[in-house]
Amino acid sequence: KIERHLSGVAALALAALLTGCGVSDDANSNSDSAGGKPQVFAVNYPLAYFAERIGGDAIDVQFPVPEEGDPAFWQPDGDAIAAFQSADLILRNGATYAKWTATASLPESIQVDTSAGFADAYIKIAEATTHSHGSDGEHSHTGTAFTTWLDLGQAIQQAGAIHEALAGLLPGQAELLAANFAELRTELESLDGDLAFAAQGLGDQPVVASHPVYQYAARRYGLKIRSLLWEPEVVPDEEAMADLKALLETHPAQLILWEGEPAPESVAKLDALGLESLVFDPCGNRPGEGEDFLSVMRGNIERLQAANQP
């Protein structure tokens, strides 16, 4: 059962969320060159958005991943790493997201693993095929599923970790930070309930995903998902279509989720198999102009609800 109100969830695990020795109680000298505002760096867009909403004008949020890249597999150059090293706070996603952070020389005392509070609930991936995302190079999804925020209950906990870290960084702004977090939490709770309702409409209907990024959403909202390794811009060839047909023999789906808008030729091929294409954007990177994390998630929910209509 999905809990609509999770106001106490984030607070239960906050004491374990800061890595190393914890974040300093006052903004250090790194903020002096930025007009006194602490510099907060994030490894993905959801964390950057949560920080912007909670910190408001009191902080300067930096998310340096290129628009065309996948933040999960982005490899920063020396200048980008140096910028992270000079931050007042580094917001990490945890769950093996942004693996470069495990080998880069980053001060432990300024890092926050925002998913540490539910680390015992990480989803392990036994094996996966190596593939590539264009310029991001080859990689696999073996190890730990990392799109943690697609379980919106976990997203609330990650926002709670950010709130706690910012409260330690800016003790004089406690009231503002608490009010901003409360507002964001309410909006995320609403989305959580709406997504649960939309997913409930699918019942036990099998679903195919173009990519293995929906594990936490599948677990929380009861979606029966099996995944391919397809990219939205790549039209599936004969071998890929044969793999899909084999999957459909044991998993007779009528709906396929895409991370981004699929190529029209791909949609036509899938239509011929009775598969409806639906974009469910994980929103790992900053969305287009006029969009934000909440609006992207609302769009995902609306499309999922529309797929339930007869």
C-alpha atoms as a PDB file:
ATOM      1  CA  LYS A   1       0.000   0.000   0.000  1.00  0.00           C
ATOM      2  CA  ILE A   2       1.330   3.404  -0.944  1.00  0.00           C
ATOM      3  CA  GLU A   3       1.540   5.916   1.883  1.00  0.00           C
ATOM      4  CA  ARG A   4       0.237   9.314   0.794  1.00  0.00           C
ATOM      5  CA  HIS A   5       1.782  11.199   3.692  1.00  0.00           C
ATOM      6  CA  LEU A   6       5.425  10.563   4.449  1.00  0.00           C
ATOM      7  CA  SER A   7       6.204  13.617   6.545  1.00  0.00           C
ATOM      8  CA  GLY A   8       8.017  11.611   9.191  1.00  0.00           C
ATOM      9  CA  VAL A   9       9.982   9.375   6.867  1.00  0.00           C
ATOM     10  CA  ALA A  10      12.862  11.672   6.095  1.00  0.00           C
ATOM     11  CA  ALA A  11      13.491  12.546   9.709  1.00  0.00           C
ATOM     12  CA  LEU A  12      13.919   8.932  10.788  1.00  0.00           C
ATOM     13  CA  ALA A  13      17.196   8.424   8.965  1.00  0.00           C
ATOM     14  CA  LEU A  14      18.750  11.870   8.820  1.00  0.00           C
ATOM     15  CA  ALA A  15      21.429  11.167  11.403  1.00  0.00           C
ATOM     16  CA  ALA A  16      23.056   8.605   9.105  1.00  0.00           C
ATOM     17  CA  LEU A  17      22.953  10.557   5.896  1.00  0.00           C
ATOM     18  CA  LEU A  18      26.084  12.700   5.987  1.00  0.00           C
ATOM     19  CA  THR A  19      29.275  10.987   4.892  1.00  0.00           C
ATOM     20  CA  GLY A  20      32.641  11.448   6.545  1.00  0.00           C
ATOM     21  CA  CYS A  21      32.730  13.844   9.463  1.00  0.00           C
ATOM     22  CA  GLY A  22      29.607  15.760   8.340  1.00  0.00           C
ATOM     23  CA  VAL A  23      28.999  19.191   6.926  1.00  0.00           C
ATOM     24  CA  SER A  24      30.361  22.220   8.704  1.00  0.00           C
ATOM     25  CA  ASP A  25      27.894  24.328  10.683  1.00  0.00           C
ATOM     26  CA  ASP A  26      28.937  27.495   8.932  1.00  0.00           C
ATOM     27  CA  ALA A  27      29.524  28.424   5.300  1.00  0.00           C
ATOM     28  CA  ASN A  28      33.260  28.122   4.711  1.00  0.00           C
ATOM     29  CA  SER A  29      35.582  30.266   2.635  1.00  0.00           C
ATOM     30  CA  ASN A  30      34.545  28.553  -0.599  1.00  0.00           C
ATOM     31  CA  SER A  31      31.426  30.733  -0.634  1.00  0.00           C
ATOM     32  CA  ASP A  32      33.313  34.012  -0.275  1.00  0.00           C
ATOM     33  CA  SER A  33      33.979  34.309  -4.009  1.00  0.00           C
ATOM     34  CA  ALA A  34      30.289  33.796  -4.839  1.00  0.00           C
ATOM     35  CA  GLY A  35      28.843  36.777  -3.016  1.00  0.00           C
ATOM     36  CA  GLY A  36      28.629  34.905   0.264  1.00  0.00           C
ATOM     37  CA  LYS A  37      26.337  32.164  -1.050  1.00  0.00           C
ATOM     38  CA  PRO A  38      27.404  28.578  -0.340  1.00  0.00           C
ATOM     39  CA  GLN A  39      28.243  26.614  -3.469  1.00  0.00           C
ATOM     40  CA  VAL A  40      26.171  23.417  -3.659  1.00  0.00           C
ATOM     41  CA  PHE A  41      27.078  20.895  -6.376  1.00  0.00           C
ATOM     42  CA  ALA A  42      24.770  18.043  -7.423  1.00  0.00           C
ATOM     43  CA  VAL A  43      25.479  14.934  -9.484  1.00  0.00           C
ATOM     44  CA  ASN A  44      22.030  14.798 -11.095  1.00  0.00           C
ATOM     45  CA  TYR A  45      19.120  17.083 -11.824  1.00  0.00           C
ATOM     46  CA  PRO A  46      16.636  15.783  -9.232  1.00  0.00           C
ATOM     47  CA  LEU A  47      19.101  16.579  -6.442  1.00  0.00           C
ATOM     48  CA  ALA A  48      19.862  19.988  -7.964  1.00  0.00           C
ATOM     49  CA  TYR A  49      16.130  20.729  -8.191  1.00  0.00           C
ATOM     50  CA  PHE A  50      15.486  19.682  -4.593  1.00  0.00           C
ATOM     51  CA  ALA A  51      18.386  21.868  -3.437  1.00  0.00           C
ATOM     52  CA  GLU A  52      17.133  24.847  -5.444  1.00  0.00           C
ATOM     53  CA  ARG A  53      13.651  24.482  -3.980  1.00  0.00           C
ATOM     54  CA  ILE A  54      14.841  24.086  -0.399  1.00  0.00           C
ATOM     55  CA  GLY A  55      17.744  26.550  -0.401  1.00  0.00           C
ATOM     56  CA  GLY A  56      16.210  29.173  -2.664  1.00  0.00           C
ATOM     57  CA  ASP A  57      18.226  32.357  -3.002  1.00  0.00           C
ATOM     58  CA  ALA A  58      20.361  31.484   0.016  1.00  0.00           C
ATOM     59  CA  ILE A  59      22.534  29.074  -1.987  1.00  0.00           C
ATOM     60  CA  ASP A  60      24.108  28.789  -5.423  1.00  0.00           C
ATOM     61  CA  VAL A  61      23.347  25.366  -6.954  1.00  0.00           C
ATOM     62  CA  GLN A  62      25.720  24.007  -9.587  1.00  0.00           C
ATOM     63  CA  PHE A  63      24.903  21.086 -11.886  1.00  0.00           C
ATOM     64  CA  PRO A  64      27.661  21.016 -14.517  1.00  0.00           C
ATOM     65  CA  VAL A  65      26.628  17.937 -16.540  1.00  0.00           C
ATOM     66  CA  PRO A  66      26.158  18.750 -20.267  1.00  0.00           C
ATOM     67  CA  GLU A  67      22.564  18.829 -21.495  1.00  0.00           C
ATOM     68  CA  GLU A  68      23.108  15.986 -23.964  1.00  0.00           C
ATOM     69  CA  GLY A  69      24.828  13.679 -21.466  1.00  0.00           C
ATOM     70  CA  ASP A  70      23.571  11.093 -19.008  1.00  0.00           C
ATOM     71  CA  PRO A  71      24.572  12.266 -15.516  1.00  0.00           C
ATOM     72  CA  ALA A  72      24.815   8.661 -14.333  1.00  0.00           C
ATOM     73  CA  PHE A  73      27.702   7.943 -16.712  1.00  0.00           C
ATOM     74  CA  TRP A  74      29.183  11.418 -17.208  1.00  0.00           C
ATOM     75  CA  GLN A  75      32.958  11.586 -16.828  1.00  0.00           C
ATOM     76  CA  PRO A  76      34.004  15.066 -15.627  1.00  0.00           C
ATOM     77  CA  ASP A  77      37.254  16.580 -16.832  1.00  0.00           C
ATOM     78  CA  GLY A  78      39.891  18.052 -14.541  1.00  0.00           C
ATOM     79  CA  ASP A  79      38.271  21.487 -14.434  1.00  0.00           C
ATOM     80  CA  ALA A  80      34.895  20.036 -13.469  1.00  0.00           C
ATOM     81  CA  ILE A  81      36.449  17.928 -10.695  1.00  0.00           C
ATOM     82  CA  ALA A  82      38.311  20.984  -9.405  1.00  0.00           C
ATOM     83  CA  ALA A  83      35.014  22.854  -9.258  1.00  0.00           C
ATOM     84  CA  PHE A  84      33.447  20.043  -7.213  1.00  0.00           C
ATOM     85  CA  GLN A  85      36.469  20.070  -4.907  1.00  0.00           C
ATOM     86  CA  SER A  86      35.908  23.753  -4.152  1.00  0.00           C
ATOM     87  CA  ALA A  87      32.235  23.288  -3.236  1.00  0.00           C
ATOM     88  CA  ASP A  88      30.715  23.885   0.176  1.00  0.00           C
ATOM     89  CA  LEU A  89      28.470  20.879  -0.303  1.00  0.00           C
ATOM     90  CA  ILE A  90      28.378  17.967  -2.781  1.00  0.00           C
ATOM     91  CA  LEU A  91      25.064  16.172  -3.164  1.00  0.00           C
ATOM     92  CA  ARG A  92      25.554  12.567  -4.218  1.00  0.00           C
ATOM     93  CA  ASN A  93      22.742  10.247  -5.236  1.00  0.00           C
ATOM     94  CA  GLY A  94      24.288   7.079  -3.828  1.00  0.00           C
ATOM     95  CA  ALA A  95      23.365   3.577  -5.117  1.00  0.00           C
ATOM     96  CA  THR A  96      26.455   3.574  -7.410  1.00  0.00           C
ATOM     97  CA  TYR A  97      25.164   6.603  -9.348  1.00  0.00           C
ATOM     98  CA  ALA A  98      27.943   8.782 -10.849  1.00  0.00           C
ATOM     99  CA  LYS A  99      30.679   6.215 -10.267  1.00  0.00           C
ATOM    100  CA  TRP A 100      33.364   8.845 -10.871  1.00  0.00           C
ATOM    101  CA  THR A 101      32.740  10.190  -7.355  1.00  0.00           C
ATOM    102  CA  ALA A 102      34.150   6.965  -5.878  1.00  0.00           C
ATOM    103  CA  THR A 103      37.592   7.533  -7.407  1.00  0.00           C
ATOM    104  CA  ALA A 104      37.877  11.330  -7.545  1.00  0.00           C
ATOM    105  CA  SER A 105      39.659  13.118  -4.721  1.00  0.00           C
ATOM    106  CA  LEU A 106      36.688  14.867  -3.106  1.00  0.00           C
ATOM    107  CA  PRO A 107      36.623  16.069   0.524  1.00  0.00           C
ATOM    108  CA  GLU A 108      34.595  13.559   2.524  1.00  0.00           C
ATOM    109  CA  SER A 109      33.400  16.217   4.961  1.00  0.00           C
ATOM    110  CA  ILE A 110      31.359  18.081   2.341  1.00  0.00           C
ATOM    111  CA  GLN A 111      29.699  15.066   0.694  1.00  0.00           C
ATOM    112  CA  VAL A 112      26.123  13.977   1.361  1.00  0.00           C
ATOM    113  CA  ASP A 113      24.932  10.558   0.201  1.00  0.00           C
ATOM    114  CA  THR A 114      21.257  11.414  -0.132  1.00  0.00           C
ATOM    115  CA  SER A 115      20.076   7.801  -0.359  1.00  0.00           C
ATOM    116  CA  ALA A 116      22.093   6.465   2.596  1.00  0.00           C
ATOM    117  CA  GLY A 117      18.953   6.370   4.723  1.00  0.00           C
ATOM    118  CA  PHE A 118      17.460   3.582   2.609  1.00  0.00           C
ATOM    119  CA  ALA A 119      20.648   1.852   1.470  1.00  0.00           C
ATOM    120  CA  ASP A 120      19.352  -1.445   2.832  1.00  0.00           C
ATOM    121  CA  ALA A 121      16.554  -1.229   0.249  1.00  0.00           C
ATOM    122  CA  TYR A 122      18.796  -0.881  -2.811  1.00  0.00           C
ATOM    123  CA  ILE A 123      17.855  -3.176  -5.691  1.00  0.00           C
ATOM    124  CA  LYS A 124      20.716  -5.396  -6.836  1.00  0.00           C
ATOM    125  CA  ILE A 125      21.155  -6.266 -10.509  1.00  0.00           C
ATOM    126  CA  ALA A 126      22.644  -9.698 -11.034  1.00  0.00           C
ATOM    127  CA  GLU A 127      23.914  -9.264 -14.580  1.00  0.00           C
ATOM    128  CA  ALA A 128      23.550  -6.968 -17.563  1.00  0.00           C
ATOM    129  CA  THR A 129      24.826  -6.587 -21.109  1.00  0.00           C
ATOM    130  CA  THR A 130      27.404  -3.889 -21.842  1.00  0.00           C
ATOM    131  CA  HIS A 131      26.113  -1.190 -24.172  1.00  0.00           C
ATOM    132  CA  SER A 132      26.593   2.511 -24.873  1.00  0.00           C
ATOM    133  CA  HIS A 133      24.750   5.836 -24.722  1.00  0.00           C
ATOM    134  CA  GLY A 134      26.347   7.696 -27.605  1.00  0.00           C
ATOM    135  CA  SER A 135      29.131   9.963 -26.336  1.00  0.00           C
ATOM    136  CA  ASP A 136      28.884   8.554 -22.785  1.00  0.00           C
ATOM    137  CA  GLY A 137      30.787   5.438 -23.872  1.00  0.00           C
ATOM    138  CA  GLU A 138      30.249   1.784 -23.020  1.00  0.00           C
ATOM    139  CA  HIS A 139      28.874   0.735 -19.655  1.00  0.00           C
ATOM    140  CA  SER A 140      26.557  -1.787 -18.052  1.00  0.00           C
ATOM    141  CA  HIS A 141      23.852  -1.569 -15.402  1.00  0.00           C
ATOM    142  CA  THR A 142      25.321  -4.442 -13.377  1.00  0.00           C
ATOM    143  CA  GLY A 143      25.468  -3.888  -9.623  1.00  0.00           C
ATOM    144  CA  THR A 144      22.892  -1.583  -8.072  1.00  0.00           C
ATOM    145  CA  ALA A 145      19.845   0.066  -9.629  1.00  0.00           C
ATOM    146  CA  PHE A 146      20.422   3.789  -9.206  1.00  0.00           C
ATOM    147  CA  THR A 147      17.392   5.797 -10.363  1.00  0.00           C
ATOM    148  CA  THR A 148      16.274   5.891  -6.746  1.00  0.00           C
ATOM    149  CA  TRP A 149      14.057   8.978  -7.056  1.00  0.00           C
ATOM    150  CA  LEU A 150      11.555   7.202  -9.346  1.00  0.00           C
ATOM    151  CA  ASP A 151      10.199   5.786  -6.111  1.00  0.00           C
ATOM    152  CA  LEU A 152       8.843   9.142  -5.013  1.00  0.00           C
ATOM    153  CA  GLY A 153       8.825   8.043  -1.389  1.00  0.00           C
ATOM    154  CA  GLN A 154      12.589   7.638  -1.671  1.00  0.00           C
ATOM    155  CA  ALA A 155      12.782  11.001  -3.457  1.00  0.00           C
ATOM    156  CA  ILE A 156      11.199  12.570  -0.376  1.00  0.00           C
ATOM    157  CA  GLN A 157      13.864  11.000   1.803  1.00  0.00           C
ATOM    158  CA  GLN A 158      16.589  12.316  -0.518  1.00  0.00           C
ATOM    159  CA  ALA A 159      15.078  15.796  -0.314  1.00  0.00           C
ATOM    160  CA  GLY A 160      15.027  15.390   3.466  1.00  0.00           C
ATOM    161  CA  ALA A 161      18.735  14.616   3.473  1.00  0.00           C
ATOM    162  CA  ILE A 162      19.375  17.768   1.467  1.00  0.00           C
ATOM    163  CA  HIS A 163      17.280  19.817   3.867  1.00  0.00           C
ATOM    164  CA  GLU A 164      19.273  18.490   6.824  1.00  0.00           C
ATOM    165  CA  ALA A 165      22.594  19.250   5.118  1.00  0.00           C
ATOM    166  CA  LEU A 166      21.548  22.772   4.187  1.00  0.00           C
ATOM    167  CA  ALA A 167      20.288  23.407   7.720  1.00  0.00           C
ATOM    168  CA  GLY A 168      23.757  22.521   8.981  1.00  0.00           C
ATOM    169  CA  LEU A 169      25.371  24.777   6.404  1.00  0.00           C
ATOM    170  CA  LEU A 170      23.048  27.739   7.060  1.00  0.00           C
ATOM    171  CA  PRO A 171      21.864  27.581  10.684  1.00  0.00           C
ATOM    172  CA  GLY A 172      20.577  31.143  10.485  1.00  0.00           C
ATOM    173  CA  GLN A 173      18.142  30.176   7.718  1.00  0.00           C
ATOM    174  CA  ALA A 174      16.494  27.265   9.544  1.00  0.00           C
ATOM    175  CA  GLU A 175      12.949  28.631   9.372  1.00  0.00           C
ATOM    176  CA  LEU A 176      13.132  29.398   5.639  1.00  0.00           C
ATOM    177  CA  LEU A 177      14.687  26.035   4.813  1.00  0.00           C
ATOM    178  CA  ALA A 178      12.081  24.152   6.847  1.00  0.00           C
ATOM    179  CA  ALA A 179       9.213  25.986   5.148  1.00  0.00           C
ATOM    180  CA  ASN A 180      10.639  25.380   1.679  1.00  0.00           C
ATOM    181  CA  PHE A 181      11.198  21.693   2.408  1.00  0.00           C
ATOM    182  CA  ALA A 182       7.676  21.289   3.787  1.00  0.00           C
ATOM    183  CA  GLU A 183       6.231  22.753   0.585  1.00  0.00           C
ATOM    184  CA  LEU A 184       8.354  20.516  -1.634  1.00  0.00           C
ATOM    185  CA  ARG A 185       7.553  17.446   0.454  1.00  0.00           C
ATOM    186  CA  THR A 186       3.811  18.096   0.106  1.00  0.00           C
ATOM    187  CA  GLU A 187       4.134  18.331  -3.682  1.00  0.00           C
ATOM    188  CA  LEU A 188       6.178  15.131  -3.868  1.00  0.00           C
ATOM    189  CA  GLU A 189       3.673  13.309  -1.646  1.00  0.00           C
ATOM    190  CA  SER A 190       0.891  14.369  -3.996  1.00  0.00           C
ATOM    191  CA  LEU A 191       2.814  13.074  -7.009  1.00  0.00           C
ATOM    192  CA  ASP A 192       3.535   9.831  -5.171  1.00  0.00           C
ATOM    193  CA  GLY A 193      -0.157   9.220  -4.639  1.00  0.00           C
ATOM    194  CA  ASP A 194      -1.065  10.180  -8.198  1.00  0.00           C
ATOM    195  CA  LEU A 195       1.562   7.841  -9.658  1.00  0.00           C
ATOM    196  CA  ALA A 196       0.343   5.027  -7.421  1.00  0.00           C
ATOM    197  CA  PHE A 197      -3.204   5.581  -8.670  1.00  0.00           C
ATOM    198  CA  ALA A 198      -2.114   5.653 -12.322  1.00  0.00           C
ATOM    199  CA  ALA A 199      -0.069   2.475 -11.902  1.00  0.00           C
ATOM    200  CA  GLN A 200      -2.954   0.770 -10.149  1.00  0.00           C
ATOM    201  CA  GLY A 201      -4.988   1.223 -13.317  1.00  0.00           C
ATOM    202  CA  LEU A 202      -2.594  -1.094 -15.136  1.00  0.00           C
ATOM    203  CA  GLY A 203      -3.258  -3.877 -12.664  1.00  0.00           C
ATOM    204  CA  ASP A 204      -1.194  -6.974 -13.482  1.00  0.00           C
ATOM    205  CA  GLN A 205      -0.719  -5.913 -17.107  1.00  0.00           C
ATOM    206  CA  PRO A 206       2.844  -6.725 -18.240  1.00  0.00           C
ATOM    207  CA  VAL A 207       4.946  -3.736 -19.305  1.00  0.00           C
ATOM    208  CA  VAL A 208       8.168  -3.553 -21.307  1.00  0.00           C
ATOM    209  CA  ALA A 209      10.770  -0.839 -20.666  1.00  0.00           C
ATOM    210  CA  SER A 210      13.219   0.253 -23.321  1.00  0.00           C
ATOM    211  CA  HIS A 211      15.942   0.553 -20.669  1.00  0.00           C
ATOM    212  CA  PRO A 212      16.567  -0.847 -17.149  1.00  0.00           C
ATOM    213  CA  VAL A 213      15.945   2.340 -15.185  1.00  0.00           C
ATOM    214  CA  TYR A 214      12.472   1.799 -13.700  1.00  0.00           C
ATOM    215  CA  GLN A 215      13.281  -0.794 -11.007  1.00  0.00           C
ATOM    216  CA  TYR A 216      12.393   1.380  -8.010  1.00  0.00           C
ATOM    217  CA  ALA A 217       9.216   2.667  -9.647  1.00  0.00           C
ATOM    218  CA  ALA A 218       8.230  -0.912 -10.488  1.00  0.00           C
ATOM    219  CA  ARG A 219       8.731  -2.036  -6.886  1.00  0.00           C
ATOM    220  CA  ARG A 220       6.897   0.851  -5.242  1.00  0.00           C
ATOM    221  CA  TYR A 221       3.971   1.096  -7.644  1.00  0.00           C
ATOM    222  CA  GLY A 222       3.525  -2.575  -8.482  1.00  0.00           C
ATOM    223  CA  LEU A 223       4.470  -2.375 -12.168  1.00  0.00           C
ATOM    224  CA  LYS A 224       5.244  -5.686 -13.913  1.00  0.00           C
ATOM    225  CA  ILE A 225       8.227  -4.469 -15.943  1.00  0.00           C
ATOM    226  CA  ARG A 226      10.841  -6.336 -17.943  1.00  0.00           C
ATOM    227  CA  SER A 227      13.558  -4.335 -19.656  1.00  0.00           C
ATOM    228  CA  LEU A 228      15.370  -4.135 -22.968  1.00  0.00           C
ATOM    229  CA  LEU A 229      18.556  -2.179 -23.779  1.00  0.00           C
ATOM    230  CA  TRP A 230      17.176   0.190 -26.410  1.00  0.00           C
ATOM    231  CA  GLU A 231      17.817   3.893 -26.967  1.00  0.00           C
ATOM    232  CA  PRO A 232      15.008   6.261 -28.047  1.00  0.00           C
ATOM    233  CA  GLU A 233      16.953   7.636 -31.020  1.00  0.00           C
ATOM    234  CA  VAL A 234      17.992   4.192 -32.352  1.00  0.00           C
ATOM    235  CA  VAL A 235      15.543   2.245 -34.507  1.00  0.00           C
ATOM    236  CA  PRO A 236      15.606  -1.437 -33.443  1.00  0.00           C
ATOM    237  CA  ASP A 237      17.124  -3.728 -36.049  1.00  0.00           C
ATOM    238  CA  GLU A 238      16.014  -7.266 -36.893  1.00  0.00           C
ATOM    239  CA  GLU A 239      17.997  -8.787 -34.032  1.00  0.00           C
ATOM    240  CA  ALA A 240      16.505  -6.350 -31.513  1.00  0.00           C
ATOM    241  CA  MET A 241      12.997  -7.020 -32.782  1.00  0.00           C
ATOM    242  CA  ALA A 242      13.600 -10.769 -32.526  1.00  0.00           C
ATOM    243  CA  ASP A 243      14.670 -10.311 -28.893  1.00  0.00           C
ATOM    244  CA  LEU A 244      11.503  -8.330 -28.208  1.00  0.00           C
ATOM    245  CA  LYS A 245       9.279 -10.960 -29.807  1.00  0.00           C
ATOM    246  CA  ALA A 246      10.921 -13.639 -27.694  1.00  0.00           C
ATOM    247  CA  LEU A 247      10.300 -11.555 -24.574  1.00  0.00           C
ATOM    248  CA  LEU A 248       6.652 -11.038 -25.494  1.00  0.00           C
ATOM    249  CA  GLU A 249       6.085 -14.789 -25.652  1.00  0.00           C
ATOM    250  CA  THR A 250       6.442 -15.007 -21.869  1.00  0.00           C
ATOM    251  CA  HIS A 251       5.641 -11.375 -21.017  1.00  0.00           C
ATOM    252  CA  PRO A 252       2.732 -10.365 -23.288  1.00  0.00           C
ATOM    253  CA  ALA A 253       2.925  -6.615 -22.837  1.00  0.00           C
ATOM    254  CA  GLN A 254       0.889  -4.032 -24.709  1.00  0.00           C
ATOM    255  CA  LEU A 255       2.830  -1.034 -23.398  1.00  0.00           C
ATOM    256  CA  ILE A 256       6.503  -0.029 -23.688  1.00  0.00           C
ATOM    257  CA  LEU A 257       8.080   2.761 -21.627  1.00  0.00           C
ATOM    258  CA  TRP A 258      10.736   4.976 -23.202  1.00  0.00           C
ATOM    259  CA  GLU A 259      13.132   7.366 -21.433  1.00  0.00           C
ATOM    260  CA  GLY A 260      12.722   9.879 -24.256  1.00  0.00           C
ATOM    261  CA  GLU A 261      10.698  10.356 -27.425  1.00  0.00           C
ATOM    262  CA  PRO A 262      11.299   7.302 -29.638  1.00  0.00           C
ATOM    263  CA  ALA A 263      11.969   7.515 -33.370  1.00  0.00           C
ATOM    264  CA  PRO A 264       8.749   7.408 -35.441  1.00  0.00           C
ATOM    265  CA  GLU A 265       9.990   4.294 -37.259  1.00  0.00           C
ATOM    266  CA  SER A 266      10.420   2.554 -33.908  1.00  0.00           C
ATOM    267  CA  VAL A 267       6.872   3.481 -32.910  1.00  0.00           C
ATOM    268  CA  ALA A 268       5.546   2.075 -36.194  1.00  0.00           C
ATOM    269  CA  LYS A 269       7.384  -1.220 -35.709  1.00  0.00           C
ATOM    270  CA  LEU A 270       6.017  -1.581 -32.206  1.00  0.00           C
ATOM    271  CA  ASP A 271       2.500  -0.604 -33.235  1.00  0.00           C
ATOM    272  CA  ALA A 272       2.579  -3.524 -35.664  1.00  0.00           C
ATOM    273  CA  LEU A 273       3.206  -5.827 -32.685  1.00  0.00           C
ATOM    274  CA  GLY A 274       0.379  -4.276 -30.671  1.00  0.00           C
ATOM    275  CA  LEU A 275       2.738  -2.334 -28.389  1.00  0.00           C
ATOM    276  CA  GLU A 276       1.856   1.238 -27.433  1.00  0.00           C
ATOM    277  CA  SER A 277       4.875   3.529 -26.914  1.00  0.00           C
ATOM    278  CA  LEU A 278       4.790   5.805 -23.866  1.00  0.00           C
ATOM    279  CA  VAL A 279       7.456   8.275 -22.724  1.00  0.00           C
ATOM    280  CA  PHE A 280       8.229   8.050 -19.006  1.00  0.00           C
ATOM    281  CA  ASP A 281      11.133  10.434 -18.533  1.00  0.00           C
ATOM    282  CA  PRO A 282      13.323   9.645 -15.482  1.00  0.00           C
ATOM    283  CA  CYS A 283      14.443  13.304 -15.548  1.00  0.00           C
ATOM    284  CA  GLY A 284      18.031  12.545 -14.573  1.00  0.00           C
ATOM    285  CA  ASN A 285      19.241  15.571 -16.538  1.00  0.00           C
ATOM    286  CA  ARG A 286      17.866  19.111 -16.612  1.00  0.00           C
ATOM    287  CA  PRO A 287      14.680  19.227 -18.732  1.00  0.00           C
ATOM    288  CA  GLY A 288      13.846  21.701 -21.473  1.00  0.00           C
ATOM    289  CA  GLU A 289      12.930  25.343 -21.009  1.00  0.00           C
ATOM    290  CA  GLY A 290       9.794  25.867 -18.962  1.00  0.00           C
ATOM    291  CA  GLU A 291       9.964  22.404 -17.403  1.00  0.00           C
ATOM    292  CA  ASP A 292      11.144  21.181 -14.012  1.00  0.00           C
ATOM    293  CA  PHE A 293      11.187  17.936 -12.062  1.00  0.00           C
ATOM    294  CA  LEU A 294       7.572  18.253 -10.923  1.00  0.00           C
ATOM    295  CA  SER A 295       6.186  19.094 -14.355  1.00  0.00           C
ATOM    296  CA  VAL A 296       8.099  16.217 -15.972  1.00  0.00           C
ATOM    297  CA  MET A 297       6.747  13.770 -13.398  1.00  0.00           C
ATOM    298  CA  ARG A 298       3.215  15.104 -13.866  1.00  0.00           C
ATOM    299  CA  GLY A 299       3.577  14.540 -17.602  1.00  0.00           C
ATOM    300  CA  ASN A 300       4.718  10.976 -16.977  1.00  0.00           C
ATOM    301  CA  ILE A 301       1.705  10.343 -14.755  1.00  0.00           C
ATOM    302  CA  GLU A 302      -0.740  11.868 -17.237  1.00  0.00           C
ATOM    303  CA  ARG A 303       0.576   9.689 -20.056  1.00  0.00           C
ATOM    304  CA  LEU A 304       0.379   6.600 -17.866  1.00  0.00           C
ATOM    305  CA  GLN A 305      -3.209   7.456 -16.954  1.00  0.00           C
ATOM    306  CA  ALA A 306      -4.075   7.970 -20.621  1.00  0.00           C
ATOM    307  CA  ALA A 307      -2.688   4.516 -21.434  1.00  0.00           C
ATOM    308  CA  ASN A 308      -5.278   3.069 -19.031  1.00  0.00           C
ATOM    309  CA  GLN A 309      -8.180   4.524 -20.975  1.00  0.00           C
ATOM    310  CA  PRO A 310     -10.200   2.109 -23.137  1.00  0.00           C
END
